[in-house]
Amino acid sequence: MLLRQLIETHEPTDEGLVWGRTGNKVVRKYRCTGGRRHGRVVSKMSKCYSPLNIKQSARFKRMKAAFGKKMARKAKRTKKTNVASRRIQALNR
C-alpha cells in the first residue's frame, strides 16, 4: 500500500493533491486543474472556481511592480533555508 493511498480522501477529484506550507507547518493542498486558478496551489478545492478579487489583484500588481525583485530574493532565500520548504520540495518530487 502506498502512502498516497492512506492520505487521500475517497472523494472523486480532478485536483491533484500536493504538499504545501502554512507558516512553518507542512499541510496538504490542491493544485487546480481547471477554473480561473488553473495550475495554482490552493488550500481548498472550492477556491479553484471562486471569483477573482479584482481590488486585491490590482493592489498586488502595484506592490509587485514596486517590490518585485525584493520579494523574489526573499522567496529564494526562504526556499533554500526554511526546513519546512525543503521538506515540501522533497515530498512533491
PDB file of N, CA and C in Angstrom:
ATOM      1  N   MET A   1       0.839  -1.174   0.000  1.00  0.00           N
ATOM      2  CA  MET A   1       0.000   0.000   0.000  1.00  0.00           C
ATOM      3  C   MET A   1       0.889   1.243   0.000  1.00  0.00           C
ATOM      4  N   LEU A   2       0.515   2.204  -0.823  1.00  0.00           N
ATOM      5  CA  LEU A   2       1.280   3.443  -0.937  1.00  0.00           C
ATOM      6  C   LEU A   2       0.824   4.451   0.102  1.00  0.00           C
ATOM      7  N   LEU A   3       1.748   5.327   0.482  1.00  0.00           N
ATOM      8  CA  LEU A   3       1.430   6.401   1.426  1.00  0.00           C
ATOM      9  C   LEU A   3       0.328   7.297   0.875  1.00  0.00           C
ATOM     10  N   ARG A   4       0.351   7.524  -0.448  1.00  0.00           N
ATOM     11  CA  ARG A   4      -0.654   8.366  -1.086  1.00  0.00           C
ATOM     12  C   ARG A   4      -2.065   7.803  -0.883  1.00  0.00           C
ATOM     13  N   GLN A   5      -2.188   6.464  -0.913  1.00  0.00           N
ATOM     14  CA  GLN A   5      -3.497   5.838  -0.749  1.00  0.00           C
ATOM     15  C   GLN A   5      -4.023   6.017   0.669  1.00  0.00           C
ATOM     16  N   LEU A   6      -3.136   6.078   1.650  1.00  0.00           N
ATOM     17  CA  LEU A   6      -3.568   6.293   3.029  1.00  0.00           C
ATOM     18  C   LEU A   6      -4.030   7.725   3.263  1.00  0.00           C
ATOM     19  N   ILE A   7      -3.354   8.675   2.626  1.00  0.00           N
ATOM     20  CA  ILE A   7      -3.609  10.088   2.878  1.00  0.00           C
ATOM     21  C   ILE A   7      -4.807  10.610   2.099  1.00  0.00           C
ATOM     22  N   GLU A   8      -4.952  10.180   0.846  1.00  0.00           N
ATOM     23  CA  GLU A   8      -6.014  10.711   0.002  1.00  0.00           C
ATOM     24  C   GLU A   8      -7.394  10.357   0.540  1.00  0.00           C
ATOM     25  N   THR A   9      -8.307  11.288   0.363  1.00  0.00           N
ATOM     26  CA  THR A   9      -9.702  11.000   0.704  1.00  0.00           C
ATOM     27  C   THR A   9     -10.316  10.219  -0.450  1.00  0.00           C
ATOM     28  N   HIS A  10     -11.470   9.649  -0.243  1.00  0.00           N
ATOM     29  CA  HIS A  10     -12.100   8.840  -1.271  1.00  0.00           C
ATOM     30  C   HIS A  10     -13.092   9.635  -2.098  1.00  0.00           C
ATOM     31  N   GLU A  11     -12.907  10.965  -2.151  1.00  0.00           N
ATOM     32  CA  GLU A  11     -13.759  11.805  -2.980  1.00  0.00           C
ATOM     33  C   GLU A  11     -13.192  11.827  -4.386  1.00  0.00           C
ATOM     34  N   PRO A  12     -14.045  11.734  -5.406  1.00  0.00           N
ATOM     35  CA  PRO A  12     -13.526  11.837  -6.769  1.00  0.00           C
ATOM     36  C   PRO A  12     -13.172  13.290  -7.076  1.00  0.00           C
ATOM     37  N   THR A  13     -11.913  13.567  -7.320  1.00  0.00           N
ATOM     38  CA  THR A  13     -11.491  14.937  -7.604  1.00  0.00           C
ATOM     39  C   THR A  13     -10.603  14.958  -8.829  1.00  0.00           C
ATOM     40  N   ASP A  14     -10.647  16.066  -9.548  1.00  0.00           N
ATOM     41  CA  ASP A  14      -9.724  16.277 -10.655  1.00  0.00           C
ATOM     42  C   ASP A  14      -8.467  16.967 -10.155  1.00  0.00           C
ATOM     43  N   GLU A  15      -8.577  17.648  -9.024  1.00  0.00           N
ATOM     44  CA  GLU A  15      -7.449  18.401  -8.496  1.00  0.00           C
ATOM     45  C   GLU A  15      -6.411  17.449  -7.917  1.00  0.00           C
ATOM     46  N   GLY A  16      -5.142  17.750  -8.153  1.00  0.00           N
ATOM     47  CA  GLY A  16      -4.070  16.923  -7.638  1.00  0.00           C
ATOM     48  C   GLY A  16      -3.704  17.337  -6.228  1.00  0.00           C
ATOM     49  N   LEU A  17      -3.460  16.372  -5.376  1.00  0.00           N
ATOM     50  CA  LEU A  17      -3.034  16.666  -4.015  1.00  0.00           C
ATOM     51  C   LEU A  17      -1.538  16.909  -4.001  1.00  0.00           C
ATOM     52  N   VAL A  18      -1.116  17.989  -3.347  1.00  0.00           N
ATOM     53  CA  VAL A  18       0.296  18.318  -3.207  1.00  0.00           C
ATOM     54  C   VAL A  18       0.551  18.735  -1.769  1.00  0.00           C
ATOM     55  N   TRP A  19       1.808  18.798  -1.406  1.00  0.00           N
ATOM     56  CA  TRP A  19       2.173  19.302  -0.086  1.00  0.00           C
ATOM     57  C   TRP A  19       2.447  20.786  -0.206  1.00  0.00           C
ATOM     58  N   GLY A  20       2.052  21.548   0.814  1.00  0.00           N
ATOM     59  CA  GLY A  20       2.285  22.981   0.829  1.00  0.00           C
ATOM     60  C   GLY A  20       2.662  23.422   2.228  1.00  0.00           C
ATOM     61  N   ARG A  21       2.917  24.718   2.368  1.00  0.00           N
ATOM     62  CA  ARG A  21       3.370  25.243   3.651  1.00  0.00           C
ATOM     63  C   ARG A  21       2.385  26.294   4.129  1.00  0.00           C
ATOM     64  N   THR A  22       1.996  26.211   5.382  1.00  0.00           N
ATOM     65  CA  THR A  22       1.209  27.244   6.049  1.00  0.00           C
ATOM     66  C   THR A  22       2.012  27.635   7.278  1.00  0.00           C
ATOM     67  N   GLY A  23       2.662  28.787   7.218  1.00  0.00           N
ATOM     68  CA  GLY A  23       3.602  29.153   8.277  1.00  0.00           C
ATOM     69  C   GLY A  23       4.794  28.230   8.200  1.00  0.00           C
ATOM     70  N   ASN A  24       5.100  27.534   9.276  1.00  0.00           N
ATOM     71  CA  ASN A  24       6.181  26.558   9.257  1.00  0.00           C
ATOM     72  C   ASN A  24       5.660  25.133   9.299  1.00  0.00           C
ATOM     73  N   LYS A  25       4.353  24.950   9.066  1.00  0.00           N
ATOM     74  CA  LYS A  25       3.760  23.617   9.063  1.00  0.00           C
ATOM     75  C   LYS A  25       3.650  23.104   7.633  1.00  0.00           C
ATOM     76  N   VAL A  26       3.819  21.799   7.455  1.00  0.00           N
ATOM     77  CA  VAL A  26       3.637  21.154   6.162  1.00  0.00           C
ATOM     78  C   VAL A  26       2.215  20.602   6.130  1.00  0.00           C
ATOM     79  N   VAL A  27       1.411  21.035   5.151  1.00  0.00           N
ATOM     80  CA  VAL A  27      -0.005  20.640   5.071  1.00  0.00           C
ATOM     81  C   VAL A  27      -0.343  20.192   3.651  1.00  0.00           C
ATOM     82  N   ARG A  28      -1.463  19.492   3.499  1.00  0.00           N
ATOM     83  CA  ARG A  28      -1.931  19.070   2.184  1.00  0.00           C
ATOM     84  C   ARG A  28      -2.660  20.214   1.514  1.00  0.00           C
ATOM     85  N   LYS A  29      -2.405  20.412   0.224  1.00  0.00           N
ATOM     86  CA  LYS A  29      -3.095  21.415  -0.566  1.00  0.00           C
ATOM     87  C   LYS A  29      -3.465  20.806  -1.905  1.00  0.00           C
ATOM     88  N   TYR A  30      -4.122  21.587  -2.766  1.00  0.00           N
ATOM     89  CA  TYR A  30      -4.611  21.104  -4.049  1.00  0.00           C
ATOM     90  C   TYR A  30      -4.041  21.950  -5.176  1.00  0.00           C
ATOM     91  N   ARG A  31      -3.677  21.303  -6.282  1.00  0.00           N
ATOM     92  CA  ARG A  31      -3.271  22.026  -7.486  1.00  0.00           C
ATOM     93  C   ARG A  31      -4.470  22.034  -8.421  1.00  0.00           C
ATOM     94  N   CYS A  32      -4.931  23.219  -8.787  1.00  0.00           N
ATOM     95  CA  CYS A  32      -6.126  23.351  -9.619  1.00  0.00           C
ATOM     96  C   CYS A  32      -5.853  22.854 -11.028  1.00  0.00           C
ATOM     97  N   THR A  33      -6.749  22.007 -11.542  1.00  0.00           N
ATOM     98  CA  THR A  33      -6.639  21.533 -12.912  1.00  0.00           C
ATOM     99  C   THR A  33      -7.679  22.191 -13.803  1.00  0.00           C
ATOM    100  N   GLY A  34      -8.496  23.053 -13.226  1.00  0.00           N
ATOM    101  CA  GLY A  34      -9.490  23.774 -14.001  1.00  0.00           C
ATOM    102  C   GLY A  34      -9.888  25.049 -13.275  1.00  0.00           C
ATOM    103  N   GLY A  35     -10.742  25.815 -13.891  1.00  0.00           N
ATOM    104  CA  GLY A  35     -11.205  27.047 -13.261  1.00  0.00           C
ATOM    105  C   GLY A  35     -10.266  28.220 -13.518  1.00  0.00           C
ATOM    106  N   ARG A  36     -10.545  29.327 -12.870  1.00  0.00           N
ATOM    107  CA  ARG A  36      -9.757  30.550 -13.073  1.00  0.00           C
ATOM    108  C   ARG A  36      -8.345  30.431 -12.522  1.00  0.00           C
ATOM    109  N   ARG A  37      -8.150  29.563 -11.567  1.00  0.00           N
ATOM    110  CA  ARG A  37      -6.838  29.426 -10.926  1.00  0.00           C
ATOM    111  C   ARG A  37      -6.111  28.170 -11.410  1.00  0.00           C
ATOM    112  N   HIS A  38      -6.201  27.890 -12.685  1.00  0.00           N
ATOM    113  CA  HIS A  38      -5.611  26.689 -13.274  1.00  0.00           C
ATOM    114  C   HIS A  38      -4.097  26.657 -13.022  1.00  0.00           C
ATOM    115  N   GLY A  39      -3.625  25.565 -12.408  1.00  0.00           N
ATOM    116  CA  GLY A  39      -2.199  25.405 -12.139  1.00  0.00           C
ATOM    117  C   GLY A  39      -1.741  25.953 -10.801  1.00  0.00           C
ATOM    118  N   ARG A  40      -2.589  26.691 -10.110  1.00  0.00           N
ATOM    119  CA  ARG A  40      -2.215  27.295  -8.831  1.00  0.00           C
ATOM    120  C   ARG A  40      -2.468  26.324  -7.684  1.00  0.00           C
ATOM    121  N   VAL A  41      -1.664  26.428  -6.633  1.00  0.00           N
ATOM    122  CA  VAL A  41      -1.856  25.612  -5.436  1.00  0.00           C
ATOM    123  C   VAL A  41      -2.741  26.386  -4.468  1.00  0.00           C
ATOM    124  N   VAL A  42      -3.845  25.773  -4.048  1.00  0.00           N
ATOM    125  CA  VAL A  42      -4.811  26.414  -3.143  1.00  0.00           C
ATOM    126  C   VAL A  42      -5.103  25.488  -1.967  1.00  0.00           C
ATOM    127  N   SER A  43      -5.638  26.064  -0.887  1.00  0.00           N
ATOM    128  CA  SER A  43      -5.891  25.280   0.315  1.00  0.00           C
ATOM    129  C   SER A  43      -7.171  24.449   0.226  1.00  0.00           C
ATOM    130  N   LYS A  44      -8.179  24.944  -0.512  1.00  0.00           N
ATOM    131  CA  LYS A  44      -9.442  24.216  -0.668  1.00  0.00           C
ATOM    132  C   LYS A  44      -9.777  24.109  -2.147  1.00  0.00           C
ATOM    133  N   MET A  45     -10.396  22.993  -2.537  1.00  0.00           N
ATOM    134  CA  MET A  45     -10.750  22.803  -3.941  1.00  0.00           C
ATOM    135  C   MET A  45     -11.734  23.855  -4.435  1.00  0.00           C
ATOM    136  N   SER A  46     -12.605  24.322  -3.556  1.00  0.00           N
ATOM    137  CA  SER A  46     -13.617  25.290  -3.969  1.00  0.00           C
ATOM    138  C   SER A  46     -13.000  26.611  -4.413  1.00  0.00           C
ATOM    139  N   LYS A  47     -11.783  26.914  -3.981  1.00  0.00           N
ATOM    140  CA  LYS A  47     -11.129  28.167  -4.369  1.00  0.00           C
ATOM    141  C   LYS A  47     -10.737  28.182  -5.841  1.00  0.00           C
ATOM    142  N   CYS A  48     -10.627  27.010  -6.470  1.00  0.00           N
ATOM    143  CA  CYS A  48     -10.273  26.951  -7.889  1.00  0.00           C
ATOM    144  C   CYS A  48     -11.337  27.623  -8.754  1.00  0.00           C
ATOM    145  N   TYR A  49     -12.572  27.572  -8.319  1.00  0.00           N
ATOM    146  CA  TYR A  49     -13.690  28.054  -9.121  1.00  0.00           C
ATOM    147  C   TYR A  49     -14.336  29.315  -8.544  1.00  0.00           C
ATOM    148  N   SER A  50     -13.797  29.852  -7.456  1.00  0.00           N
ATOM    149  CA  SER A  50     -14.386  31.051  -6.868  1.00  0.00           C
ATOM    150  C   SER A  50     -13.986  32.280  -7.687  1.00  0.00           C
ATOM    151  N   PRO A  51     -14.786  33.345  -7.655  1.00  0.00           N
ATOM    152  CA  PRO A  51     -14.476  34.527  -8.461  1.00  0.00           C
ATOM    153  C   PRO A  51     -13.225  35.246  -7.958  1.00  0.00           C
ATOM    154  N   LEU A  52     -12.552  35.941  -8.874  1.00  0.00           N
ATOM    155  CA  LEU A  52     -11.354  36.684  -8.527  1.00  0.00           C
ATOM    156  C   LEU A  52     -11.718  37.974  -7.803  1.00  0.00           C
ATOM    157  N   ASN A  53     -10.839  38.394  -6.901  1.00  0.00           N
ATOM    158  CA  ASN A  53     -10.998  39.670  -6.213  1.00  0.00           C
ATOM    159  C   ASN A  53     -10.182  40.699  -6.991  1.00  0.00           C
ATOM    160  N   ILE A  54     -10.856  41.535  -7.777  1.00  0.00           N
ATOM    161  CA  ILE A  54     -10.193  42.482  -8.678  1.00  0.00           C
ATOM    162  C   ILE A  54      -9.379  43.512  -7.902  1.00  0.00           C
ATOM    163  N   LYS A  55      -9.932  43.997  -6.796  1.00  0.00           N
ATOM    164  CA  LYS A  55      -9.231  45.000  -5.990  1.00  0.00           C
ATOM    165  C   LYS A  55      -7.927  44.440  -5.434  1.00  0.00           C
ATOM    166  N   GLN A  56      -7.984  43.210  -4.935  1.00  0.00           N
ATOM    167  CA  GLN A  56      -6.806  42.567  -4.365  1.00  0.00           C
ATOM    168  C   GLN A  56      -5.739  42.319  -5.441  1.00  0.00           C
ATOM    169  N   SER A  57      -6.160  41.876  -6.634  1.00  0.00           N
ATOM    170  CA  SER A  57      -5.186  41.605  -7.687  1.00  0.00           C
ATOM    171  C   SER A  57      -4.538  42.890  -8.187  1.00  0.00           C
ATOM    172  N   ALA A  58      -5.294  44.001  -8.256  1.00  0.00           N
ATOM    173  CA  ALA A  58      -4.727  45.287  -8.671  1.00  0.00           C
ATOM    174  C   ALA A  58      -3.714  45.786  -7.649  1.00  0.00           C
ATOM    175  N   ARG A  59      -4.043  45.610  -6.364  1.00  0.00           N
ATOM    176  CA  ARG A  59      -3.131  46.029  -5.294  1.00  0.00           C
ATOM    177  C   ARG A  59      -1.835  45.213  -5.344  1.00  0.00           C
ATOM    178  N   PHE A  60      -1.964  43.910  -5.621  1.00  0.00           N
ATOM    179  CA  PHE A  60      -0.778  43.057  -5.691  1.00  0.00           C
ATOM    180  C   PHE A  60       0.096  43.419  -6.892  1.00  0.00           C
ATOM    181  N   LYS A  61      -0.528  43.776  -8.023  1.00  0.00           N
ATOM    182  CA  LYS A  61       0.247  44.178  -9.202  1.00  0.00           C
ATOM    183  C   LYS A  61       1.081  45.421  -8.900  1.00  0.00           C
ATOM    184  N   ARG A  62       0.473  46.400  -8.190  1.00  0.00           N
ATOM    185  CA  ARG A  62       1.214  47.614  -7.812  1.00  0.00           C
ATOM    186  C   ARG A  62       2.363  47.276  -6.869  1.00  0.00           C
ATOM    187  N   MET A  63       2.098  46.396  -5.897  1.00  0.00           N
ATOM    188  CA  MET A  63       3.124  46.018  -4.930  1.00  0.00           C
ATOM    189  C   MET A  63       4.259  45.260  -5.616  1.00  0.00           C
ATOM    190  N   LYS A  64       3.922  44.371  -6.540  1.00  0.00           N
ATOM    191  CA  LYS A  64       4.935  43.597  -7.239  1.00  0.00           C
ATOM    192  C   LYS A  64       5.785  44.488  -8.135  1.00  0.00           C
ATOM    193  N   ALA A  65       5.179  45.521  -8.718  1.00  0.00           N
ATOM    194  CA  ALA A  65       5.941  46.464  -9.539  1.00  0.00           C
ATOM    195  C   ALA A  65       6.957  47.219  -8.688  1.00  0.00           C
ATOM    196  N   ALA A  66       6.579  47.532  -7.443  1.00  0.00           N
ATOM    197  CA  ALA A  66       7.470  48.295  -6.567  1.00  0.00           C
ATOM    198  C   ALA A  66       8.507  47.411  -5.880  1.00  0.00           C
ATOM    199  N   PHE A  67       8.114  46.224  -5.446  1.00  0.00           N
ATOM    200  CA  PHE A  67       8.985  45.383  -4.615  1.00  0.00           C
ATOM    201  C   PHE A  67       9.279  44.019  -5.224  1.00  0.00           C
ATOM    202  N   GLY A  68       9.081  43.851  -6.529  1.00  0.00           N
ATOM    203  CA  GLY A  68       9.193  42.541  -7.166  1.00  0.00           C
ATOM    204  C   GLY A  68      10.526  41.855  -6.947  1.00  0.00           C
ATOM    205  N   LYS A  69      11.640  42.575  -7.170  1.00  0.00           N
ATOM    206  CA  LYS A  69      12.960  41.960  -7.022  1.00  0.00           C
ATOM    207  C   LYS A  69      13.235  41.598  -5.572  1.00  0.00           C
ATOM    208  N   LYS A  70      12.806  42.456  -4.670  1.00  0.00           N
ATOM    209  CA  LYS A  70      12.991  42.196  -3.240  1.00  0.00           C
ATOM    210  C   LYS A  70      12.197  40.962  -2.813  1.00  0.00           C
ATOM    211  N   MET A  71      10.948  40.838  -3.296  1.00  0.00           N
ATOM    212  CA  MET A  71      10.108  39.684  -2.979  1.00  0.00           C
ATOM    213  C   MET A  71      10.730  38.394  -3.519  1.00  0.00           C
ATOM    214  N   ALA A  72      11.281  38.457  -4.723  1.00  0.00           N
ATOM    215  CA  ALA A  72      11.876  37.265  -5.336  1.00  0.00           C
ATOM    216  C   ALA A  72      13.103  36.807  -4.554  1.00  0.00           C
ATOM    217  N   ARG A  73      13.929  37.755  -4.128  1.00  0.00           N
ATOM    218  CA  ARG A  73      15.122  37.397  -3.349  1.00  0.00           C
ATOM    219  C   ARG A  73      14.737  36.767  -2.020  1.00  0.00           C
ATOM    220  N   LYS A  74      13.720  37.330  -1.365  1.00  0.00           N
ATOM    221  CA  LYS A  74      13.274  36.801  -0.079  1.00  0.00           C
ATOM    222  C   LYS A  74      12.695  35.392  -0.240  1.00  0.00           C
ATOM    223  N   ALA A  75      11.903  35.171  -1.287  1.00  0.00           N
ATOM    224  CA  ALA A  75      11.319  33.858  -1.540  1.00  0.00           C
ATOM    225  C   ALA A  75      12.407  32.828  -1.832  1.00  0.00           C
ATOM    226  N   LYS A  76      13.424  33.243  -2.599  1.00  0.00           N
ATOM    227  CA  LYS A  76      14.524  32.332  -2.927  1.00  0.00           C
ATOM    228  C   LYS A  76      15.290  31.934  -1.676  1.00  0.00           C
ATOM    229  N   ARG A  77      15.529  32.902  -0.792  1.00  0.00           N
ATOM    230  CA  ARG A  77      16.237  32.623   0.454  1.00  0.00           C
ATOM    231  C   ARG A  77      15.412  31.690   1.342  1.00  0.00           C
ATOM    232  N   THR A  78      14.107  31.917   1.423  1.00  0.00           N
ATOM    233  CA  THR A  78      13.226  31.072   2.227  1.00  0.00           C
ATOM    234  C   THR A  78      13.242  29.637   1.721  1.00  0.00           C
ATOM    235  N   LYS A  79      13.146  29.463   0.402  1.00  0.00           N
ATOM    236  CA  LYS A  79      13.109  28.122  -0.172  1.00  0.00           C
ATOM    237  C   LYS A  79      14.412  27.366   0.054  1.00  0.00           C
ATOM    238  N   LYS A  80      15.518  28.085   0.176  1.00  0.00           N
ATOM    239  CA  LYS A  80      16.809  27.435   0.426  1.00  0.00           C
ATOM    240  C   LYS A  80      17.001  27.075   1.888  1.00  0.00           C
ATOM    241  N   THR A  81      16.550  27.936   2.808  1.00  0.00           N
ATOM    242  CA  THR A  81      16.924  27.782   4.213  1.00  0.00           C
ATOM    243  C   THR A  81      15.830  27.238   5.115  1.00  0.00           C
ATOM    244  N   ASN A  82      14.559  27.504   4.823  1.00  0.00           N
ATOM    245  CA  ASN A  82      13.471  27.083   5.695  1.00  0.00           C
ATOM    246  C   ASN A  82      13.303  25.563   5.626  1.00  0.00           C
ATOM    247  N   VAL A  83      13.333  24.912   6.785  1.00  0.00           N
ATOM    248  CA  VAL A  83      13.254  23.452   6.851  1.00  0.00           C
ATOM    249  C   VAL A  83      11.950  22.939   6.265  1.00  0.00           C
ATOM    250  N   ALA A  84      10.846  23.623   6.545  1.00  0.00           N
ATOM    251  CA  ALA A  84       9.547  23.186   6.023  1.00  0.00           C
ATOM    252  C   ALA A  84       9.532  23.275   4.495  1.00  0.00           C
ATOM    253  N   SER A  85      10.123  24.317   3.929  1.00  0.00           N
ATOM    254  CA  SER A  85      10.174  24.463   2.475  1.00  0.00           C
ATOM    255  C   SER A  85      11.007  23.367   1.842  1.00  0.00           C
ATOM    256  N   ARG A  86      12.118  23.008   2.470  1.00  0.00           N
ATOM    257  CA  ARG A  86      12.972  21.932   1.970  1.00  0.00           C
ATOM    258  C   ARG A  86      12.229  20.597   2.014  1.00  0.00           C
ATOM    259  N   ARG A  87      11.474  20.371   3.080  1.00  0.00           N
ATOM    260  CA  ARG A  87      10.708  19.130   3.220  1.00  0.00           C
ATOM    261  C   ARG A  87       9.634  19.037   2.134  1.00  0.00           C
ATOM    262  N   ILE A  88       8.977  20.164   1.839  1.00  0.00           N
ATOM    263  CA  ILE A  88       7.937  20.194   0.812  1.00  0.00           C
ATOM    264  C   ILE A  88       8.515  19.860  -0.556  1.00  0.00           C
ATOM    265  N   GLN A  89       9.686  20.422  -0.860  1.00  0.00           N
ATOM    266  CA  GLN A  89      10.320  20.139  -2.148  1.00  0.00           C
ATOM    267  C   GLN A  89      10.595  18.649  -2.292  1.00  0.00           C
ATOM    268  N   ALA A  90      11.048  18.005  -1.219  1.00  0.00           N
ATOM    269  CA  ALA A  90      11.332  16.574  -1.268  1.00  0.00           C
ATOM    270  C   ALA A  90      10.041  15.765  -1.407  1.00  0.00           C
ATOM    271  N   LEU A  91       8.979  16.151  -0.701  1.00  0.00           N
ATOM    272  CA  LEU A  91       7.721  15.399  -0.742  1.00  0.00           C
ATOM    273  C   LEU A  91       7.030  15.512  -2.093  1.00  0.00           C
ATOM    274  N   ASN A  92       7.154  16.665  -2.759  1.00  0.00           N
ATOM    275  CA  ASN A  92       6.464  16.881  -4.039  1.00  0.00           C
ATOM    276  C   ASN A  92       7.251  16.383  -5.244  1.00  0.00           C
ATOM    277  N   ARG A  93       8.403  15.783  -5.048  1.00  0.00           N
ATOM    278  CA  ARG A  93       9.168  15.244  -6.180  1.00  0.00           C
ATOM    279  C   ARG A  93       8.465  14.067  -6.808  1.00  0.00           C
TER     280      ARG A  93
END
